[in-house]
Amino acid sequence: MAASAPHACLSAAPRAAAVAWAGGREIAGPATVNVPSDLRAYDPLSQSDPGRIMKHALLFSLSLLTLAACDPAQMADKAGRRAAETVVRPVVGNYLAGAQADAATRCIVENASADDVRLLARDVAVEAGSNTVANVLRIAAQPNTLACFARSGVAPLGGMAR
């Protein structure tokens, strides 16, 4: 590096990046970075401002309350339904295509019982067997699922009547 450049950060590459960041306009003056000698000035807990400390304590308490409000059973049900979707979609894809298959998958998973979701989620990452296909078709033939199909403009699977 040339002896005339006082800092390595003033090389051509960072300066070009700064010009690009400024929208192509040349930045007036040298590019400098102010680094405080006392880094504790940026530690929010070391500052003596009681309002700032209270704000951090309040945010921490609210985050704990939010986590406590989560129902583990509801979270497990959502996870199971997401897993069941990955099993149902390929089966439905044998009967419908594209957006229709996606809508039918949502209808089937939303109308599956908790036991059905567990049965379907058991087949994650494996090809659906005849029992899984039969379960998907059984859920698809239920009145609530057929009503969901009708609302979504989806044809019943396997030629089932509405």
N, C-alpha and C. Protein backbone atom coordinates (compact mmCIF):
# COMPACT_ATOMS: atom_id res chain seq x y z
N MET A 1 0.85 -1.17 0.00
CA MET A 1 0.00 0.00 0.00
C MET A 1 0.89 1.21 0.00
N ALA A 2 0.46 2.28 -0.66
CA ALA A 2 1.24 3.51 -0.75
C ALA A 2 1.32 4.17 0.61
N ALA A 3 2.42 4.85 0.85
CA ALA A 3 2.64 5.48 2.14
C ALA A 3 1.72 6.68 2.34
N SER A 4 1.13 7.21 1.28
CA SER A 4 0.29 8.40 1.41
C SER A 4 -1.08 8.08 2.00
N ALA A 5 -1.54 6.82 1.92
CA ALA A 5 -2.85 6.45 2.47
C ALA A 5 -2.68 6.21 3.96
N PRO A 6 -3.36 7.01 4.81
CA PRO A 6 -3.18 6.87 6.24
C PRO A 6 -3.81 5.60 6.81
N HIS A 7 -4.86 5.08 6.19
CA HIS A 7 -5.55 3.90 6.70
C HIS A 7 -5.79 2.92 5.57
N ALA A 8 -5.81 1.65 5.90
CA ALA A 8 -6.08 0.63 4.90
C ALA A 8 -7.52 0.71 4.40
N CYS A 9 -8.42 1.27 5.19
CA CYS A 9 -9.83 1.33 4.80
C CYS A 9 -10.08 2.35 3.70
N LEU A 10 -9.09 3.14 3.31
CA LEU A 10 -9.27 4.12 2.25
C LEU A 10 -8.81 3.61 0.90
N SER A 11 -8.65 2.28 0.78
CA SER A 11 -8.22 1.72 -0.50
C SER A 11 -9.34 1.87 -1.53
N ALA A 12 -9.07 1.54 -2.77
CA ALA A 12 -10.02 1.77 -3.86
C ALA A 12 -11.29 0.94 -3.73
N ALA A 13 -11.19 -0.32 -3.31
CA ALA A 13 -12.37 -1.19 -3.25
C ALA A 13 -13.42 -0.68 -2.26
N PRO A 14 -13.06 -0.37 -1.00
CA PRO A 14 -14.09 0.14 -0.09
C PRO A 14 -14.66 1.48 -0.56
N ARG A 15 -13.82 2.33 -1.14
CA ARG A 15 -14.30 3.62 -1.62
C ARG A 15 -15.30 3.41 -2.76
N ALA A 16 -15.01 2.47 -3.66
CA ALA A 16 -15.94 2.18 -4.76
C ALA A 16 -17.25 1.64 -4.21
N ALA A 17 -17.18 0.83 -3.18
CA ALA A 17 -18.40 0.29 -2.56
C ALA A 17 -19.20 1.42 -1.92
N ALA A 18 -18.52 2.38 -1.30
CA ALA A 18 -19.21 3.51 -0.68
C ALA A 18 -19.88 4.37 -1.73
N VAL A 19 -19.23 4.57 -2.86
CA VAL A 19 -19.82 5.35 -3.95
C VAL A 19 -21.04 4.62 -4.50
N ALA A 20 -20.95 3.30 -4.66
CA ALA A 20 -22.09 2.51 -5.14
C ALA A 20 -23.24 2.59 -4.14
N TRP A 21 -22.92 2.54 -2.85
CA TRP A 21 -23.94 2.61 -1.81
C TRP A 21 -24.61 3.97 -1.81
N ALA A 22 -23.88 5.02 -2.15
CA ALA A 22 -24.42 6.38 -2.17
C ALA A 22 -25.16 6.66 -3.47
N GLY A 23 -25.45 5.66 -4.25
CA GLY A 23 -26.22 5.82 -5.47
C GLY A 23 -25.40 6.41 -6.60
N GLY A 24 -24.10 6.18 -6.59
CA GLY A 24 -23.25 6.65 -7.65
C GLY A 24 -22.69 8.04 -7.42
N ARG A 25 -23.15 8.70 -6.37
CA ARG A 25 -22.64 10.04 -6.07
C ARG A 25 -21.34 9.93 -5.29
N GLU A 26 -20.42 10.77 -5.60
CA GLU A 26 -19.15 10.82 -4.88
C GLU A 26 -19.42 11.36 -3.48
N ILE A 27 -18.88 10.73 -2.50
CA ILE A 27 -19.07 11.16 -1.12
C ILE A 27 -18.05 12.25 -0.83
N ALA A 28 -18.53 13.37 -0.32
CA ALA A 28 -17.63 14.48 -0.02
C ALA A 28 -16.80 14.15 1.20
N GLY A 29 -15.53 14.37 1.11
CA GLY A 29 -14.64 14.16 2.24
C GLY A 29 -14.15 12.74 2.32
N PRO A 30 -13.17 12.50 3.16
CA PRO A 30 -12.61 11.15 3.28
C PRO A 30 -13.58 10.21 4.00
N ALA A 31 -13.52 8.96 3.65
CA ALA A 31 -14.34 7.96 4.32
C ALA A 31 -13.67 7.62 5.64
N THR A 32 -14.32 7.97 6.73
CA THR A 32 -13.75 7.70 8.04
C THR A 32 -14.74 6.91 8.86
N VAL A 33 -14.25 6.16 9.79
CA VAL A 33 -15.06 5.38 10.69
C VAL A 33 -14.69 5.79 12.10
N ASN A 34 -15.68 6.24 12.85
CA ASN A 34 -15.43 6.64 14.23
C ASN A 34 -15.63 5.44 15.13
N VAL A 35 -14.60 5.01 15.78
CA VAL A 35 -14.69 3.90 16.71
C VAL A 35 -14.40 4.45 18.09
N PRO A 36 -15.36 4.34 19.01
CA PRO A 36 -15.11 4.89 20.34
C PRO A 36 -14.04 4.09 21.06
N SER A 37 -13.31 4.81 21.89
CA SER A 37 -12.28 4.11 22.65
C SER A 37 -12.90 3.30 23.78
N ASP A 38 -14.09 3.70 24.21
CA ASP A 38 -14.77 2.99 25.29
C ASP A 38 -16.01 2.32 24.72
N LEU A 39 -15.93 1.02 24.41
CA LEU A 39 -17.04 0.31 23.78
C LEU A 39 -18.22 0.11 24.73
N ARG A 40 -18.01 0.35 26.04
CA ARG A 40 -19.10 0.21 26.99
C ARG A 40 -20.20 1.25 26.74
N ALA A 41 -19.88 2.29 26.00
CA ALA A 41 -20.89 3.31 25.70
C ALA A 41 -22.04 2.73 24.90
N TYR A 42 -21.83 1.63 24.22
CA TYR A 42 -22.88 1.02 23.41
C TYR A 42 -23.54 -0.18 24.10
N ASP A 43 -23.20 -0.47 25.30
CA ASP A 43 -23.82 -1.56 26.06
C ASP A 43 -25.03 -0.99 26.78
N PRO A 44 -26.26 -1.41 26.40
CA PRO A 44 -27.45 -0.81 27.00
C PRO A 44 -27.57 -1.04 28.49
N LEU A 45 -27.00 -2.11 29.02
CA LEU A 45 -27.13 -2.38 30.44
C LEU A 45 -26.10 -1.63 31.28
N SER A 46 -25.05 -1.11 30.66
CA SER A 46 -24.05 -0.38 31.42
C SER A 46 -24.42 1.10 31.55
N GLN A 47 -25.42 1.54 30.82
CA GLN A 47 -25.81 2.94 30.91
C GLN A 47 -26.70 3.14 32.13
N SER A 48 -26.62 4.30 32.70
CA SER A 48 -27.33 4.53 33.94
C SER A 48 -28.76 5.01 33.74
N ASP A 49 -29.27 5.00 32.51
CA ASP A 49 -30.62 5.46 32.23
C ASP A 49 -31.62 4.41 32.73
N PRO A 50 -32.34 4.68 33.83
CA PRO A 50 -33.27 3.67 34.36
C PRO A 50 -34.42 3.36 33.40
N GLY A 51 -34.86 4.33 32.60
CA GLY A 51 -35.93 4.07 31.64
C GLY A 51 -35.52 3.05 30.60
N ARG A 52 -34.28 3.12 30.17
CA ARG A 52 -33.78 2.19 29.17
C ARG A 52 -33.70 0.77 29.74
N ILE A 53 -33.24 0.67 30.97
CA ILE A 53 -33.15 -0.65 31.62
C ILE A 53 -34.55 -1.22 31.84
N MET A 54 -35.51 -0.38 32.22
CA MET A 54 -36.88 -0.85 32.42
C MET A 54 -37.50 -1.30 31.10
N LYS A 55 -37.18 -0.58 30.01
CA LYS A 55 -37.72 -0.97 28.71
C LYS A 55 -37.21 -2.36 28.32
N HIS A 56 -35.93 -2.61 28.56
CA HIS A 56 -35.38 -3.93 28.24
C HIS A 56 -36.00 -5.01 29.12
N ALA A 57 -36.21 -4.71 30.39
CA ALA A 57 -36.82 -5.68 31.30
C ALA A 57 -38.26 -5.97 30.88
N LEU A 58 -38.99 -4.93 30.46
CA LEU A 58 -40.37 -5.11 30.03
C LEU A 58 -40.44 -5.95 28.75
N LEU A 59 -39.57 -5.67 27.79
CA LEU A 59 -39.55 -6.46 26.56
C LEU A 59 -39.22 -7.92 26.84
N PHE A 60 -38.29 -8.17 27.73
CA PHE A 60 -37.94 -9.54 28.10
C PHE A 60 -39.13 -10.24 28.75
N SER A 61 -39.83 -9.54 29.65
CA SER A 61 -40.99 -10.13 30.33
C SER A 61 -42.11 -10.44 29.33
N LEU A 62 -42.35 -9.52 28.40
CA LEU A 62 -43.39 -9.76 27.40
C LEU A 62 -43.05 -10.94 26.51
N SER A 63 -41.78 -11.09 26.17
CA SER A 63 -41.41 -12.24 25.33
C SER A 63 -41.61 -13.55 26.08
N LEU A 64 -41.34 -13.55 27.38
CA LEU A 64 -41.58 -14.76 28.18
C LEU A 64 -43.06 -15.09 28.25
N LEU A 65 -43.90 -14.06 28.42
CA LEU A 65 -45.34 -14.29 28.47
C LEU A 65 -45.87 -14.81 27.13
N THR A 66 -45.33 -14.29 26.05
CA THR A 66 -45.75 -14.75 24.73
C THR A 66 -45.41 -16.22 24.55
N LEU A 67 -44.22 -16.61 24.97
CA LEU A 67 -43.84 -18.02 24.85
C LEU A 67 -44.68 -18.90 25.76
N ALA A 68 -45.02 -18.41 26.94
CA ALA A 68 -45.83 -19.20 27.86
C ALA A 68 -47.24 -19.37 27.34
N ALA A 69 -47.73 -18.43 26.53
CA ALA A 69 -49.09 -18.50 26.01
C ALA A 69 -49.23 -19.54 24.91
N CYS A 70 -48.15 -20.02 24.35
CA CYS A 70 -48.20 -21.03 23.30
C CYS A 70 -48.65 -22.35 23.89
N ASP A 71 -49.65 -22.93 23.28
CA ASP A 71 -50.17 -24.21 23.72
C ASP A 71 -49.36 -25.33 23.06
N PRO A 72 -48.66 -26.15 23.83
CA PRO A 72 -47.85 -27.21 23.23
C PRO A 72 -48.66 -28.18 22.37
N ALA A 73 -49.89 -28.45 22.76
CA ALA A 73 -50.72 -29.37 21.97
C ALA A 73 -51.07 -28.74 20.62
N GLN A 74 -51.35 -27.43 20.63
CA GLN A 74 -51.66 -26.74 19.38
C GLN A 74 -50.43 -26.69 18.48
N MET A 75 -49.27 -26.46 19.06
CA MET A 75 -48.04 -26.44 18.27
C MET A 75 -47.76 -27.81 17.67
N ALA A 76 -47.99 -28.87 18.44
CA ALA A 76 -47.78 -30.22 17.94
C ALA A 76 -48.77 -30.54 16.82
N ASP A 77 -50.02 -30.06 16.96
CA ASP A 77 -51.02 -30.30 15.93
C ASP A 77 -50.61 -29.60 14.62
N LYS A 78 -50.13 -28.36 14.73
CA LYS A 78 -49.69 -27.64 13.53
C LYS A 78 -48.52 -28.35 12.86
N ALA A 79 -47.58 -28.81 13.66
CA ALA A 79 -46.43 -29.51 13.10
C ALA A 79 -46.86 -30.81 12.42
N GLY A 80 -47.79 -31.53 13.06
CA GLY A 80 -48.30 -32.77 12.48
C GLY A 80 -49.04 -32.52 11.18
N ARG A 81 -49.81 -31.44 11.12
CA ARG A 81 -50.55 -31.12 9.90
C ARG A 81 -49.61 -30.71 8.77
N ARG A 82 -48.54 -29.99 9.11
CA ARG A 82 -47.56 -29.64 8.07
C ARG A 82 -46.88 -30.90 7.54
N ALA A 83 -46.58 -31.84 8.43
CA ALA A 83 -45.97 -33.10 7.99
C ALA A 83 -46.97 -33.90 7.15
N ALA A 84 -48.24 -33.90 7.56
CA ALA A 84 -49.26 -34.63 6.81
C ALA A 84 -49.43 -34.05 5.40
N GLU A 85 -49.28 -32.72 5.27
CA GLU A 85 -49.38 -32.11 3.94
C GLU A 85 -48.35 -32.68 2.98
N THR A 86 -47.16 -32.95 3.48
CA THR A 86 -46.11 -33.49 2.61
C THR A 86 -46.41 -34.92 2.17
N VAL A 87 -47.27 -35.60 2.90
CA VAL A 87 -47.67 -36.95 2.53
C VAL A 87 -48.89 -36.90 1.60
N VAL A 88 -49.83 -36.01 1.91
CA VAL A 88 -51.08 -35.93 1.16
C VAL A 88 -50.86 -35.37 -0.24
N ARG A 89 -50.02 -34.36 -0.37
CA ARG A 89 -49.85 -33.68 -1.67
C ARG A 89 -49.47 -34.63 -2.81
N PRO A 90 -48.50 -35.53 -2.63
CA PRO A 90 -48.19 -36.45 -3.74
C PRO A 90 -49.35 -37.39 -4.10
N VAL A 91 -50.12 -37.79 -3.10
CA VAL A 91 -51.28 -38.65 -3.38
C VAL A 91 -52.31 -37.88 -4.18
N VAL A 92 -52.61 -36.66 -3.74
CA VAL A 92 -53.58 -35.82 -4.44
C VAL A 92 -53.07 -35.48 -5.84
N GLY A 93 -51.76 -35.35 -5.98
CA GLY A 93 -51.16 -35.05 -7.28
C GLY A 93 -51.42 -36.13 -8.32
N ASN A 94 -51.78 -37.33 -7.89
CA ASN A 94 -52.14 -38.40 -8.82
C ASN A 94 -53.54 -38.20 -9.42
N TYR A 95 -54.35 -37.33 -8.76
CA TYR A 95 -55.72 -37.10 -9.20
C TYR A 95 -55.94 -35.71 -9.77
N LEU A 96 -55.21 -34.73 -9.23
CA LEU A 96 -55.37 -33.33 -9.64
C LEU A 96 -53.99 -32.73 -9.89
N ALA A 97 -53.98 -31.59 -10.56
CA ALA A 97 -52.69 -30.94 -10.86
C ALA A 97 -52.67 -29.51 -10.34
N GLY A 98 -51.47 -29.01 -10.10
CA GLY A 98 -51.22 -27.61 -9.79
C GLY A 98 -51.98 -27.06 -8.61
N ALA A 99 -52.61 -25.90 -8.85
CA ALA A 99 -53.31 -25.19 -7.78
C ALA A 99 -54.48 -26.00 -7.22
N GLN A 100 -55.12 -26.80 -8.08
CA GLN A 100 -56.23 -27.64 -7.61
C GLN A 100 -55.72 -28.67 -6.59
N ALA A 101 -54.57 -29.25 -6.88
CA ALA A 101 -53.99 -30.22 -5.95
C ALA A 101 -53.61 -29.56 -4.64
N ASP A 102 -53.07 -28.33 -4.70
CA ASP A 102 -52.72 -27.62 -3.47
C ASP A 102 -53.95 -27.32 -2.64
N ALA A 103 -55.02 -26.85 -3.29
CA ALA A 103 -56.26 -26.54 -2.57
C ALA A 103 -56.88 -27.81 -1.97
N ALA A 104 -56.87 -28.90 -2.73
CA ALA A 104 -57.43 -30.16 -2.23
C ALA A 104 -56.61 -30.66 -1.04
N THR A 105 -55.29 -30.51 -1.11
CA THR A 105 -54.44 -30.94 0.00
C THR A 105 -54.79 -30.17 1.26
N ARG A 106 -54.95 -28.84 1.13
CA ARG A 106 -55.33 -28.03 2.31
C ARG A 106 -56.66 -28.50 2.88
N CYS A 107 -57.64 -28.75 2.01
CA CYS A 107 -58.95 -29.20 2.48
C CYS A 107 -58.85 -30.53 3.22
N ILE A 108 -58.09 -31.45 2.68
CA ILE A 108 -57.96 -32.77 3.29
C ILE A 108 -57.28 -32.67 4.65
N VAL A 109 -56.19 -31.92 4.72
CA VAL A 109 -55.45 -31.82 5.98
C VAL A 109 -56.26 -31.05 7.02
N GLU A 110 -56.95 -29.98 6.61
CA GLU A 110 -57.76 -29.21 7.56
C GLU A 110 -58.90 -30.04 8.14
N ASN A 111 -59.44 -30.96 7.36
CA ASN A 111 -60.59 -31.75 7.81
C ASN A 111 -60.21 -33.11 8.37
N ALA A 112 -58.94 -33.40 8.44
CA ALA A 112 -58.49 -34.67 9.03
C ALA A 112 -58.55 -34.59 10.55
N SER A 113 -58.93 -35.68 11.17
CA SER A 113 -58.92 -35.72 12.64
C SER A 113 -57.49 -35.82 13.14
N ALA A 114 -57.32 -35.64 14.43
CA ALA A 114 -55.98 -35.73 15.02
C ALA A 114 -55.38 -37.12 14.78
N ASP A 115 -56.22 -38.16 14.88
CA ASP A 115 -55.74 -39.53 14.62
C ASP A 115 -55.32 -39.69 13.16
N ASP A 116 -56.12 -39.11 12.25
CA ASP A 116 -55.77 -39.18 10.83
C ASP A 116 -54.45 -38.47 10.55
N VAL A 117 -54.26 -37.32 11.18
CA VAL A 117 -53.02 -36.56 10.99
C VAL A 117 -51.82 -37.39 11.46
N ARG A 118 -51.98 -38.06 12.60
CA ARG A 118 -50.88 -38.91 13.09
C ARG A 118 -50.59 -40.05 12.12
N LEU A 119 -51.63 -40.66 11.58
CA LEU A 119 -51.44 -41.75 10.62
C LEU A 119 -50.74 -41.26 9.35
N LEU A 120 -51.15 -40.09 8.87
CA LEU A 120 -50.56 -39.55 7.65
C LEU A 120 -49.12 -39.10 7.89
N ALA A 121 -48.89 -38.42 9.00
CA ALA A 121 -47.55 -37.90 9.29
C ALA A 121 -46.54 -39.02 9.50
N ARG A 122 -47.03 -40.19 9.83
CA ARG A 122 -46.14 -41.35 10.02
C ARG A 122 -45.42 -41.72 8.73
N ASP A 123 -46.02 -41.37 7.59
CA ASP A 123 -45.45 -41.74 6.29
C ASP A 123 -44.58 -40.65 5.66
N VAL A 124 -44.12 -39.69 6.46
CA VAL A 124 -43.25 -38.64 5.94
C VAL A 124 -41.97 -39.28 5.41
N ALA A 125 -41.52 -38.81 4.27
CA ALA A 125 -40.24 -39.21 3.64
C ALA A 125 -40.26 -40.63 3.07
N VAL A 126 -41.43 -41.22 2.97
CA VAL A 126 -41.54 -42.51 2.28
C VAL A 126 -42.66 -42.40 1.26
N GLU A 127 -42.63 -43.25 0.27
CA GLU A 127 -43.70 -43.25 -0.73
C GLU A 127 -44.98 -43.77 -0.09
N ALA A 128 -46.09 -43.11 -0.41
CA ALA A 128 -47.37 -43.49 0.18
C ALA A 128 -47.77 -44.89 -0.26
N GLY A 129 -48.11 -45.72 0.69
CA GLY A 129 -48.57 -47.08 0.39
C GLY A 129 -50.07 -47.10 0.20
N SER A 130 -50.60 -48.29 0.01
CA SER A 130 -52.04 -48.42 -0.26
C SER A 130 -52.89 -47.96 0.93
N ASN A 131 -52.43 -48.19 2.17
CA ASN A 131 -53.18 -47.73 3.34
C ASN A 131 -53.23 -46.21 3.40
N THR A 132 -52.12 -45.55 3.09
CA THR A 132 -52.08 -44.09 3.11
C THR A 132 -53.00 -43.52 2.03
N VAL A 133 -52.95 -44.09 0.84
CA VAL A 133 -53.83 -43.63 -0.24
C VAL A 133 -55.28 -43.82 0.17
N ALA A 134 -55.60 -44.96 0.77
CA ALA A 134 -56.98 -45.22 1.23
C ALA A 134 -57.39 -44.21 2.29
N ASN A 135 -56.50 -43.86 3.21
CA ASN A 135 -56.82 -42.86 4.24
C ASN A 135 -57.07 -41.49 3.62
N VAL A 136 -56.23 -41.10 2.67
CA VAL A 136 -56.42 -39.80 2.00
C VAL A 136 -57.76 -39.78 1.28
N LEU A 137 -58.09 -40.83 0.55
CA LEU A 137 -59.36 -40.88 -0.17
C LEU A 137 -60.55 -40.91 0.78
N ARG A 138 -60.40 -41.59 1.93
CA ARG A 138 -61.48 -41.63 2.93
C ARG A 138 -61.74 -40.23 3.49
N ILE A 139 -60.67 -39.51 3.82
CA ILE A 139 -60.82 -38.15 4.35
C ILE A 139 -61.40 -37.24 3.27
N ALA A 140 -60.97 -37.44 2.02
CA ALA A 140 -61.46 -36.62 0.91
C ALA A 140 -62.95 -36.85 0.66
N ALA A 141 -63.48 -38.00 1.02
CA ALA A 141 -64.89 -38.32 0.78
C ALA A 141 -65.80 -37.84 1.91
N GLN A 142 -65.25 -37.32 3.00
CA GLN A 142 -66.06 -36.85 4.12
C GLN A 142 -66.82 -35.59 3.72
N PRO A 143 -68.02 -35.41 4.27
CA PRO A 143 -68.86 -34.25 3.87
C PRO A 143 -68.16 -32.89 4.07
N ASN A 144 -67.46 -32.71 5.17
CA ASN A 144 -66.80 -31.42 5.41
C ASN A 144 -65.70 -31.17 4.37
N THR A 145 -64.99 -32.23 4.01
CA THR A 145 -63.93 -32.09 3.02
C THR A 145 -64.52 -31.81 1.64
N LEU A 146 -65.63 -32.49 1.29
CA LEU A 146 -66.29 -32.23 0.01
C LEU A 146 -66.82 -30.80 -0.06
N ALA A 147 -67.32 -30.29 1.07
CA ALA A 147 -67.79 -28.90 1.11
C ALA A 147 -66.62 -27.94 0.91
N CYS A 148 -65.49 -28.27 1.50
CA CYS A 148 -64.29 -27.45 1.30
C CYS A 148 -63.85 -27.49 -0.16
N PHE A 149 -63.92 -28.66 -0.76
CA PHE A 149 -63.59 -28.78 -2.20
C PHE A 149 -64.50 -27.86 -3.01
N ALA A 150 -65.81 -27.88 -2.71
CA ALA A 150 -66.77 -27.07 -3.46
C ALA A 150 -66.47 -25.58 -3.28
N ARG A 151 -66.16 -25.15 -2.05
CA ARG A 151 -65.83 -23.74 -1.80
C ARG A 151 -64.57 -23.33 -2.54
N SER A 152 -63.62 -24.28 -2.70
CA SER A 152 -62.33 -23.98 -3.33
C SER A 152 -62.37 -24.21 -4.83
N GLY A 153 -63.48 -24.72 -5.36
CA GLY A 153 -63.58 -24.99 -6.79
C GLY A 153 -62.76 -26.18 -7.23
N VAL A 154 -62.67 -27.17 -6.35
CA VAL A 154 -61.85 -28.36 -6.62
C VAL A 154 -62.80 -29.54 -6.90
N ALA A 155 -62.46 -30.31 -7.90
CA ALA A 155 -63.23 -31.51 -8.20
C ALA A 155 -62.93 -32.59 -7.17
N PRO A 156 -63.91 -33.41 -6.82
CA PRO A 156 -63.67 -34.50 -5.89
C PRO A 156 -62.61 -35.47 -6.45
N LEU A 157 -61.88 -36.10 -5.56
CA LEU A 157 -60.83 -37.03 -5.98
C LEU A 157 -61.42 -38.35 -6.43
N GLY A 158 -60.84 -38.95 -7.42
CA GLY A 158 -61.20 -40.29 -7.85
C GLY A 158 -62.63 -40.43 -8.35
N GLY A 159 -63.22 -39.34 -8.84
CA GLY A 159 -64.57 -39.41 -9.39
C GLY A 159 -65.65 -39.51 -8.34
N MET A 160 -65.35 -39.14 -7.08
CA MET A 160 -66.36 -39.19 -6.04
C MET A 160 -67.42 -38.14 -6.32
N ALA A 161 -68.66 -38.44 -6.01
CA ALA A 161 -69.76 -37.48 -6.21
C ALA A 161 -69.77 -36.50 -5.05
N ARG A 162 -70.23 -35.29 -5.37
CA ARG A 162 -70.31 -34.26 -4.32
C ARG A 162 -71.55 -34.41 -3.51
